[in-house]
Amino acid sequence: MPKNSSNIDLKLSIHIFNDGFYFSSNSEKNYFLYEDINIFEEKEFTKFLDLNEIDDQNQVKLIFFDNPSMFTPSELHAQENSKQLLSNYTELKKNHKVVSDITEDNKVCIIYQISKKMEKTLNKCFNQIHYYHYSKILYDDLQEFIKPYSDRKLRLFINLQKNIFDLFLMESNNLLVYNSFPHSNSDDFMYYLFALIEEYKLSSDSLDILFLEKFDNYNNYYLGVNNFHDNIKFIENDTQQNIHSNHPAPYFMNIL
């Protein structure tokens, strides 16, 4: 019998990475390696859920970070072309399927791939699952952020996470460029940032640079940007708590 819980208590978020997953509920927030808890194996994952008193009535938001996404205008996109488009952008993995999200403003179709085995396991464990690529959540959050602005100023939004970072170049509420790049230190970050600024001939006078939240472990990155841009800004996430979380993409640490 399902346990007696409020709708808030039933919310659960699972964030999928290459080496593990972040589990976020009202009672538990932690990162687990697949070598410790294998989310691909139904028996092992069911045991983990039972220990955390999670059952099939929980409303699950599944967010994927393990594969890159491709943005394409939704009005030009035909679903049957998704696989071909994504194969031109990144290598298609065995035992994965190509899926897509539509942004809240219906302007962008976001194409990516998910593990069939993981999907099968989770569908057996939960009755209600909502699938998202993390880049859709970022895009939708940025659209909410820029709603009050009516100017045509260029804004470069930066999301820092372990091993990669995301760049969104926007003019008003129009997305001009989205891309993600690898990094292992601030030098890598500055290299790719300058490459984009040079490619699009952006000047500091015409550009706002905004980081999604501020985290102590990226202080050298902020200092690097400050060396050529006087005024960087930080977007606060109202749900943020526990800045020292072990989440590889800390902007998402408290999403339910």
C-alpha atoms as a PDB file:
ATOM      1  CA  MET A   1       0.000   0.000   0.000  1.00  0.00           C
ATOM      2  CA  PRO A   2       1.398   3.457  -0.834  1.00  0.00           C
ATOM      3  CA  LYS A   3       2.576   5.393   2.163  1.00  0.00           C
ATOM      4  CA  ASN A   4       0.559   8.399   3.277  1.00  0.00           C
ATOM      5  CA  SER A   5       2.582  11.415   2.068  1.00  0.00           C
ATOM      6  CA  SER A   6       1.955  14.940   0.878  1.00  0.00           C
ATOM      7  CA  ASN A   7       2.504  15.865  -2.769  1.00  0.00           C
ATOM      8  CA  ILE A   8       5.669  17.714  -1.765  1.00  0.00           C
ATOM      9  CA  ASP A   9       7.060  14.649   0.015  1.00  0.00           C
ATOM     10  CA  LEU A  10       6.413  12.553  -3.080  1.00  0.00           C
ATOM     11  CA  LYS A  11       8.653  14.669  -5.298  1.00  0.00           C
ATOM     12  CA  LEU A  12      11.971  13.159  -6.257  1.00  0.00           C
ATOM     13  CA  SER A  13      14.736  14.210  -8.627  1.00  0.00           C
ATOM     14  CA  ILE A  14      17.430  11.900 -10.053  1.00  0.00           C
ATOM     15  CA  HIS A  15      20.312  13.460 -12.001  1.00  0.00           C
ATOM     16  CA  ILE A  16      22.156  11.098 -14.333  1.00  0.00           C
ATOM     17  CA  PHE A  17      25.919  11.494 -14.907  1.00  0.00           C
ATOM     18  CA  ASN A  18      28.522   9.274 -16.552  1.00  0.00           C
ATOM     19  CA  ASP A  19      29.929   7.810 -13.351  1.00  0.00           C
ATOM     20  CA  GLY A  20      26.963   8.052 -10.993  1.00  0.00           C
ATOM     21  CA  PHE A  21      23.728   9.804 -10.080  1.00  0.00           C
ATOM     22  CA  TYR A  22      22.596  12.536  -7.719  1.00  0.00           C
ATOM     23  CA  PHE A  23      19.550  11.624  -5.667  1.00  0.00           C
ATOM     24  CA  SER A  24      17.467  14.534  -4.410  1.00  0.00           C
ATOM     25  CA  SER A  25      14.426  14.166  -2.176  1.00  0.00           C
ATOM     26  CA  ASN A  26      13.213  15.897   0.963  1.00  0.00           C
ATOM     27  CA  SER A  27      14.923  13.247   3.080  1.00  0.00           C
ATOM     28  CA  GLU A  28      18.077  12.546   1.058  1.00  0.00           C
ATOM     29  CA  LYS A  29      20.474  14.573  -1.089  1.00  0.00           C
ATOM     30  CA  ASN A  30      23.625  12.780  -2.128  1.00  0.00           C
ATOM     31  CA  TYR A  31      25.762  11.631  -5.036  1.00  0.00           C
ATOM     32  CA  PHE A  32      26.186   7.893  -5.583  1.00  0.00           C
ATOM     33  CA  LEU A  33      28.679   6.172  -7.861  1.00  0.00           C
ATOM     34  CA  TYR A  34      27.391   3.379 -10.091  1.00  0.00           C
ATOM     35  CA  GLU A  35      30.033   1.098  -8.638  1.00  0.00           C
ATOM     36  CA  ASP A  36      28.265   1.473  -5.279  1.00  0.00           C
ATOM     37  CA  ILE A  37      24.639   1.592  -6.448  1.00  0.00           C
ATOM     38  CA  ASN A  38      23.931   0.424  -9.986  1.00  0.00           C
ATOM     39  CA  ILE A  39      20.877   2.278 -11.279  1.00  0.00           C
ATOM     40  CA  PHE A  40      20.955   0.071 -14.386  1.00  0.00           C
ATOM     41  CA  GLU A  41      20.074  -3.061 -12.378  1.00  0.00           C
ATOM     42  CA  GLU A  42      16.454  -3.245 -11.236  1.00  0.00           C
ATOM     43  CA  LYS A  43      17.037  -5.473  -8.186  1.00  0.00           C
ATOM     44  CA  GLU A  44      19.878  -3.365  -6.807  1.00  0.00           C
ATOM     45  CA  PHE A  45      18.148  -0.032  -7.424  1.00  0.00           C
ATOM     46  CA  THR A  46      14.856  -1.282  -5.931  1.00  0.00           C
ATOM     47  CA  LYS A  47      16.720  -2.224  -2.747  1.00  0.00           C
ATOM     48  CA  PHE A  48      18.190   1.295  -2.609  1.00  0.00           C
ATOM     49  CA  LEU A  49      14.722   2.834  -3.026  1.00  0.00           C
ATOM     50  CA  ASP A  50      13.270   0.620  -0.299  1.00  0.00           C
ATOM     51  CA  LEU A  51      16.006   1.695   2.113  1.00  0.00           C
ATOM     52  CA  ASN A  52      15.062   5.330   1.411  1.00  0.00           C
ATOM     53  CA  GLU A  53      11.316   4.586   1.729  1.00  0.00           C
ATOM     54  CA  ILE A  54      10.695   5.530  -1.883  1.00  0.00           C
ATOM     55  CA  ASP A  55       7.926   3.716  -3.730  1.00  0.00           C
ATOM     56  CA  ASP A  56       6.276   3.769  -7.147  1.00  0.00           C
ATOM     57  CA  GLN A  57       3.959   6.618  -6.127  1.00  0.00           C
ATOM     58  CA  ASN A  58       6.791   9.116  -6.051  1.00  0.00           C
ATOM     59  CA  GLN A  59       6.765  11.725  -8.827  1.00  0.00           C
ATOM     60  CA  VAL A  60      10.179  11.511 -10.450  1.00  0.00           C
ATOM     61  CA  LYS A  61      12.013  14.195 -12.397  1.00  0.00           C
ATOM     62  CA  LEU A  62      14.868  12.534 -14.286  1.00  0.00           C
ATOM     63  CA  ILE A  63      17.536  14.986 -15.492  1.00  0.00           C
ATOM     64  CA  PHE A  64      20.266  13.862 -17.883  1.00  0.00           C
ATOM     65  CA  PHE A  65      23.822  15.199 -17.758  1.00  0.00           C
ATOM     66  CA  ASP A  66      25.582  12.140 -19.217  1.00  0.00           C
ATOM     67  CA  ASN A  67      25.257  13.055 -22.904  1.00  0.00           C
ATOM     68  CA  PRO A  68      25.416  16.371 -24.781  1.00  0.00           C
ATOM     69  CA  SER A  69      22.318  17.937 -26.288  1.00  0.00           C
ATOM     70  CA  MET A  70      21.710  19.614 -29.610  1.00  0.00           C
ATOM     71  CA  PHE A  71      19.500  22.703 -30.007  1.00  0.00           C
ATOM     72  CA  THR A  72      17.429  23.179 -33.136  1.00  0.00           C
ATOM     73  CA  PRO A  73      14.528  25.560 -33.929  1.00  0.00           C
ATOM     74  CA  SER A  74      11.333  23.683 -33.063  1.00  0.00           C
ATOM     75  CA  GLU A  75       9.392  25.103 -36.007  1.00  0.00           C
ATOM     76  CA  LEU A  76      11.938  23.625 -38.430  1.00  0.00           C
ATOM     77  CA  HIS A  77      12.358  20.292 -36.685  1.00  0.00           C
ATOM     78  CA  ALA A  78      10.815  17.034 -37.862  1.00  0.00           C
ATOM     79  CA  GLN A  79      10.897  14.322 -35.195  1.00  0.00           C
ATOM     80  CA  GLU A  80      11.890  11.623 -37.662  1.00  0.00           C
ATOM     81  CA  ASN A  81      15.127  13.528 -38.374  1.00  0.00           C
ATOM     82  CA  SER A  82      16.273  13.631 -34.732  1.00  0.00           C
ATOM     83  CA  LYS A  83      18.590  10.649 -34.911  1.00  0.00           C
ATOM     84  CA  GLN A  84      20.344  11.862 -38.058  1.00  0.00           C
ATOM     85  CA  LEU A  85      20.746  15.378 -36.699  1.00  0.00           C
ATOM     86  CA  LEU A  86      22.208  14.184 -33.419  1.00  0.00           C
ATOM     87  CA  SER A  87      24.622  11.802 -35.184  1.00  0.00           C
ATOM     88  CA  ASN A  88      26.064  14.805 -37.025  1.00  0.00           C
ATOM     89  CA  TYR A  89      26.717  16.492 -33.673  1.00  0.00           C
ATOM     90  CA  THR A  90      27.890  13.671 -31.401  1.00  0.00           C
ATOM     91  CA  GLU A  91      28.528   9.929 -31.490  1.00  0.00           C
ATOM     92  CA  LEU A  92      25.431   7.802 -31.000  1.00  0.00           C
ATOM     93  CA  LYS A  93      25.905   5.211 -28.259  1.00  0.00           C
ATOM     94  CA  LYS A  94      24.867   1.576 -28.406  1.00  0.00           C
ATOM     95  CA  ASN A  95      21.749   0.644 -26.443  1.00  0.00           C
ATOM     96  CA  HIS A  96      20.622   4.262 -26.319  1.00  0.00           C
ATOM     97  CA  LYS A  97      17.639   5.926 -27.921  1.00  0.00           C
ATOM     98  CA  VAL A  98      17.272   9.463 -29.217  1.00  0.00           C
ATOM     99  CA  VAL A  99      14.673  11.648 -27.488  1.00  0.00           C
ATOM    100  CA  SER A 100      13.794  15.329 -27.457  1.00  0.00           C
ATOM    101  CA  ASP A 101      12.412  18.099 -25.241  1.00  0.00           C
ATOM    102  CA  ILE A 102      10.613  21.287 -26.241  1.00  0.00           C
ATOM    103  CA  THR A 103      11.407  24.446 -24.294  1.00  0.00           C
ATOM    104  CA  GLU A 104       8.630  26.227 -22.402  1.00  0.00           C
ATOM    105  CA  ASP A 105       8.482  29.009 -25.005  1.00  0.00           C
ATOM    106  CA  ASN A 106       8.169  26.382 -27.772  1.00  0.00           C
ATOM    107  CA  LYS A 107      11.074  27.924 -29.688  1.00  0.00           C
ATOM    108  CA  VAL A 108      13.724  25.229 -29.270  1.00  0.00           C
ATOM    109  CA  CYS A 109      13.755  21.469 -29.693  1.00  0.00           C
ATOM    110  CA  ILE A 110      16.505  19.852 -27.595  1.00  0.00           C
ATOM    111  CA  ILE A 111      17.741  16.492 -28.902  1.00  0.00           C
ATOM    112  CA  TYR A 112      19.779  14.011 -26.847  1.00  0.00           C
ATOM    113  CA  GLN A 113      20.127  10.298 -26.099  1.00  0.00           C
ATOM    114  CA  ILE A 114      19.295   8.174 -23.061  1.00  0.00           C
ATOM    115  CA  SER A 115      20.149   4.637 -21.968  1.00  0.00           C
ATOM    116  CA  LYS A 116      17.439   2.107 -22.838  1.00  0.00           C
ATOM    117  CA  LYS A 117      18.441  -0.123 -19.926  1.00  0.00           C
ATOM    118  CA  MET A 118      18.195   2.695 -17.413  1.00  0.00           C
ATOM    119  CA  GLU A 119      14.842   3.761 -18.823  1.00  0.00           C
ATOM    120  CA  LYS A 120      13.543   0.198 -18.503  1.00  0.00           C
ATOM    121  CA  THR A 121      14.660  -0.069 -14.868  1.00  0.00           C
ATOM    122  CA  LEU A 122      13.168   3.269 -13.849  1.00  0.00           C
ATOM    123  CA  ASN A 123       9.871   2.612 -15.634  1.00  0.00           C
ATOM    124  CA  LYS A 124       9.506  -0.536 -13.547  1.00  0.00           C
ATOM    125  CA  CYS A 125      10.230   1.362 -10.333  1.00  0.00           C
ATOM    126  CA  PHE A 126       7.975   4.409 -10.828  1.00  0.00           C
ATOM    127  CA  ASN A 127       4.545   5.092 -12.253  1.00  0.00           C
ATOM    128  CA  GLN A 128       5.234   8.697 -13.208  1.00  0.00           C
ATOM    129  CA  ILE A 129       8.554   9.905 -14.654  1.00  0.00           C
ATOM    130  CA  HIS A 130       9.327  13.195 -16.410  1.00  0.00           C
ATOM    131  CA  TYR A 131      12.462  13.197 -18.553  1.00  0.00           C
ATOM    132  CA  TYR A 132      14.567  16.322 -19.182  1.00  0.00           C
ATOM    133  CA  HIS A 133      17.977  17.252 -20.441  1.00  0.00           C
ATOM    134  CA  TYR A 134      19.621  19.699 -18.061  1.00  0.00           C
ATOM    135  CA  SER A 135      20.098  22.233 -20.878  1.00  0.00           C
ATOM    136  CA  LYS A 136      16.307  22.587 -21.220  1.00  0.00           C
ATOM    137  CA  ILE A 137      16.032  23.550 -17.548  1.00  0.00           C
ATOM    138  CA  LEU A 138      18.824  26.095 -17.959  1.00  0.00           C
ATOM    139  CA  TYR A 139      17.203  27.614 -21.039  1.00  0.00           C
ATOM    140  CA  ASP A 140      13.793  27.871 -19.352  1.00  0.00           C
ATOM    141  CA  ASP A 141      15.328  29.429 -16.223  1.00  0.00           C
ATOM    142  CA  LEU A 142      17.147  32.031 -18.322  1.00  0.00           C
ATOM    143  CA  GLN A 143      13.964  32.940 -20.164  1.00  0.00           C
ATOM    144  CA  GLU A 144      12.331  33.636 -16.800  1.00  0.00           C
ATOM    145  CA  PHE A 145      15.306  35.700 -15.690  1.00  0.00           C
ATOM    146  CA  ILE A 146      15.300  38.008 -18.727  1.00  0.00           C
ATOM    147  CA  LYS A 147      11.524  38.616 -18.813  1.00  0.00           C
ATOM    148  CA  PRO A 148      11.783  42.021 -17.053  1.00  0.00           C
ATOM    149  CA  TYR A 149      14.337  43.318 -19.574  1.00  0.00           C
ATOM    150  CA  SER A 150      13.150  45.092 -22.718  1.00  0.00           C
ATOM    151  CA  ASP A 151      16.568  46.172 -24.046  1.00  0.00           C
ATOM    152  CA  ARG A 152      18.519  44.523 -26.868  1.00  0.00           C
ATOM    153  CA  LYS A 153      21.697  44.123 -24.846  1.00  0.00           C
ATOM    154  CA  LEU A 154      23.773  41.003 -25.387  1.00  0.00           C
ATOM    155  CA  ARG A 155      24.026  38.719 -22.374  1.00  0.00           C
ATOM    156  CA  LEU A 156      26.375  35.779 -22.015  1.00  0.00           C
ATOM    157  CA  PHE A 157      25.181  33.290 -19.401  1.00  0.00           C
ATOM    158  CA  ILE A 158      27.652  30.771 -17.995  1.00  0.00           C
ATOM    159  CA  ASN A 159      26.865  27.562 -16.145  1.00  0.00           C
ATOM    160  CA  LEU A 160      29.908  25.958 -14.531  1.00  0.00           C
ATOM    161  CA  GLN A 161      29.920  22.285 -13.637  1.00  0.00           C
ATOM    162  CA  LYS A 162      32.482  19.559 -13.158  1.00  0.00           C
ATOM    163  CA  ASN A 163      34.423  18.874 -16.387  1.00  0.00           C
ATOM    164  CA  ILE A 164      32.219  21.009 -18.679  1.00  0.00           C
ATOM    165  CA  PHE A 165      30.611  24.436 -18.800  1.00  0.00           C
ATOM    166  CA  ASP A 166      27.703  25.850 -20.786  1.00  0.00           C
ATOM    167  CA  LEU A 167      27.477  29.167 -22.657  1.00  0.00           C
ATOM    168  CA  PHE A 168      24.221  30.827 -23.679  1.00  0.00           C
ATOM    169  CA  LEU A 169      24.569  34.006 -25.739  1.00  0.00           C
ATOM    170  CA  MET A 170      21.265  35.863 -25.834  1.00  0.00           C
ATOM    171  CA  GLU A 171      19.950  39.110 -27.227  1.00  0.00           C
ATOM    172  CA  SER A 172      16.808  40.046 -25.346  1.00  0.00           C
ATOM    173  CA  ASN A 173      14.962  36.703 -25.106  1.00  0.00           C
ATOM    174  CA  ASN A 174      16.421  35.330 -28.337  1.00  0.00           C
ATOM    175  CA  LEU A 175      19.051  32.626 -28.135  1.00  0.00           C
ATOM    176  CA  LEU A 176      21.949  33.335 -30.504  1.00  0.00           C
ATOM    177  CA  VAL A 177      24.393  30.632 -29.421  1.00  0.00           C
ATOM    178  CA  TYR A 178      24.385  27.632 -27.119  1.00  0.00           C
ATOM    179  CA  ASN A 179      27.384  25.380 -26.636  1.00  0.00           C
ATOM    180  CA  SER A 180      29.188  23.401 -23.965  1.00  0.00           C
ATOM    181  CA  PHE A 181      32.945  22.942 -23.598  1.00  0.00           C
ATOM    182  CA  PRO A 182      35.275  20.736 -21.541  1.00  0.00           C
ATOM    183  CA  HIS A 183      37.481  22.185 -18.827  1.00  0.00           C
ATOM    184  CA  SER A 184      39.804  20.958 -16.100  1.00  0.00           C
ATOM    185  CA  ASN A 185      41.000  24.370 -14.870  1.00  0.00           C
ATOM    186  CA  SER A 186      40.469  28.097 -15.338  1.00  0.00           C
ATOM    187  CA  ASP A 187      42.924  28.237 -18.266  1.00  0.00           C
ATOM    188  CA  ASP A 188      40.761  25.813 -20.259  1.00  0.00           C
ATOM    189  CA  PHE A 189      37.714  27.870 -19.395  1.00  0.00           C
ATOM    190  CA  MET A 190      39.280  31.159 -20.481  1.00  0.00           C
ATOM    191  CA  TYR A 191      40.511  29.629 -23.750  1.00  0.00           C
ATOM    192  CA  TYR A 192      37.030  28.587 -24.872  1.00  0.00           C
ATOM    193  CA  LEU A 193      35.426  31.757 -23.544  1.00  0.00           C
ATOM    194  CA  PHE A 194      37.830  33.982 -25.497  1.00  0.00           C
ATOM    195  CA  ALA A 195      37.339  31.816 -28.604  1.00  0.00           C
ATOM    196  CA  LEU A 196      33.597  32.458 -28.513  1.00  0.00           C
ATOM    197  CA  ILE A 197      34.039  36.180 -27.792  1.00  0.00           C
ATOM    198  CA  GLU A 198      36.464  36.506 -30.706  1.00  0.00           C
ATOM    199  CA  GLU A 199      34.319  34.451 -33.094  1.00  0.00           C
ATOM    200  CA  TYR A 200      31.278  36.657 -32.508  1.00  0.00           C
ATOM    201  CA  LYS A 201      33.315  39.871 -32.178  1.00  0.00           C
ATOM    202  CA  LEU A 202      31.847  40.704 -28.780  1.00  0.00           C
ATOM    203  CA  SER A 203      33.079  43.772 -26.912  1.00  0.00           C
ATOM    204  CA  SER A 204      33.003  44.248 -23.147  1.00  0.00           C
ATOM    205  CA  ASP A 205      30.989  47.455 -23.551  1.00  0.00           C
ATOM    206  CA  SER A 206      28.152  45.703 -25.338  1.00  0.00           C
ATOM    207  CA  LEU A 207      28.110  42.517 -23.277  1.00  0.00           C
ATOM    208  CA  ASP A 208      26.904  41.468 -19.830  1.00  0.00           C
ATOM    209  CA  ILE A 209      28.485  38.304 -18.428  1.00  0.00           C
ATOM    210  CA  LEU A 210      26.340  36.444 -15.932  1.00  0.00           C
ATOM    211  CA  PHE A 211      27.234  33.287 -14.024  1.00  0.00           C
ATOM    212  CA  LEU A 212      24.546  30.950 -12.795  1.00  0.00           C
ATOM    213  CA  GLU A 213      25.182  31.154  -9.046  1.00  0.00           C
ATOM    214  CA  LYS A 214      28.562  31.624  -7.376  1.00  0.00           C
ATOM    215  CA  PHE A 215      30.591  28.752  -5.958  1.00  0.00           C
ATOM    216  CA  ASP A 216      33.873  28.985  -4.039  1.00  0.00           C
ATOM    217  CA  ASN A 217      35.621  26.257  -6.053  1.00  0.00           C
ATOM    218  CA  TYR A 218      35.296  28.403  -9.196  1.00  0.00           C
ATOM    219  CA  ASN A 219      36.778  31.616  -7.762  1.00  0.00           C
ATOM    220  CA  ASN A 220      39.742  31.463 -10.159  1.00  0.00           C
ATOM    221  CA  TYR A 221      37.312  31.375 -13.079  1.00  0.00           C
ATOM    222  CA  TYR A 222      35.543  34.528 -11.875  1.00  0.00           C
ATOM    223  CA  LEU A 223      38.885  36.282 -11.327  1.00  0.00           C
ATOM    224  CA  GLY A 224      39.986  35.349 -14.858  1.00  0.00           C
ATOM    225  CA  VAL A 225      36.886  36.950 -16.362  1.00  0.00           C
ATOM    226  CA  ASN A 226      37.280  40.034 -14.148  1.00  0.00           C
ATOM    227  CA  ASN A 227      40.693  40.655 -15.726  1.00  0.00           C
ATOM    228  CA  PHE A 228      39.031  41.684 -18.998  1.00  0.00           C
ATOM    229  CA  HIS A 229      35.458  42.466 -17.948  1.00  0.00           C
ATOM    230  CA  ASP A 230      34.855  44.908 -15.098  1.00  0.00           C
ATOM    231  CA  ASN A 231      31.351  43.929 -14.144  1.00  0.00           C
ATOM    232  CA  ILE A 232      30.376  40.277 -13.940  1.00  0.00           C
ATOM    233  CA  LYS A 233      27.100  39.309 -12.348  1.00  0.00           C
ATOM    234  CA  PHE A 234      25.710  36.254 -10.594  1.00  0.00           C
ATOM    235  CA  ILE A 235      22.195  34.864 -10.920  1.00  0.00           C
ATOM    236  CA  GLU A 236      20.952  33.504  -7.628  1.00  0.00           C
ATOM    237  CA  ASN A 237      18.895  30.348  -7.601  1.00  0.00           C
ATOM    238  CA  ASP A 238      16.105  30.772  -5.040  1.00  0.00           C
ATOM    239  CA  THR A 239      16.221  27.061  -4.247  1.00  0.00           C
ATOM    240  CA  GLN A 240      19.926  27.056  -3.461  1.00  0.00           C
ATOM    241  CA  GLN A 241      21.088  25.693  -0.124  1.00  0.00           C
ATOM    242  CA  ASN A 242      24.164  23.780   0.947  1.00  0.00           C
ATOM    243  CA  ILE A 243      26.688  25.394  -1.399  1.00  0.00           C
ATOM    244  CA  HIS A 244      29.246  22.732  -0.423  1.00  0.00           C
ATOM    245  CA  SER A 245      27.173  19.931  -1.936  1.00  0.00           C
ATOM    246  CA  ASN A 246      28.928  17.147  -3.858  1.00  0.00           C
ATOM    247  CA  HIS A 247      26.708  17.724  -6.888  1.00  0.00           C
ATOM    248  CA  PRO A 248      28.828  17.812 -10.110  1.00  0.00           C
ATOM    249  CA  ALA A 249      26.510  20.535 -11.492  1.00  0.00           C
ATOM    250  CA  PRO A 250      25.842  22.551  -8.318  1.00  0.00           C
ATOM    251  CA  TYR A 251      23.249  24.908  -9.833  1.00  0.00           C
ATOM    252  CA  PHE A 252      20.908  21.893  -9.855  1.00  0.00           C
ATOM    253  CA  MET A 253      21.596  20.599  -6.358  1.00  0.00           C
ATOM    254  CA  ASN A 254      18.159  21.341  -4.891  1.00  0.00           C
ATOM    255  CA  ILE A 255      15.874  20.791  -7.860  1.00  0.00           C
ATOM    256  CA  LEU A 256      12.899  18.554  -7.050  1.00  0.00           C
END
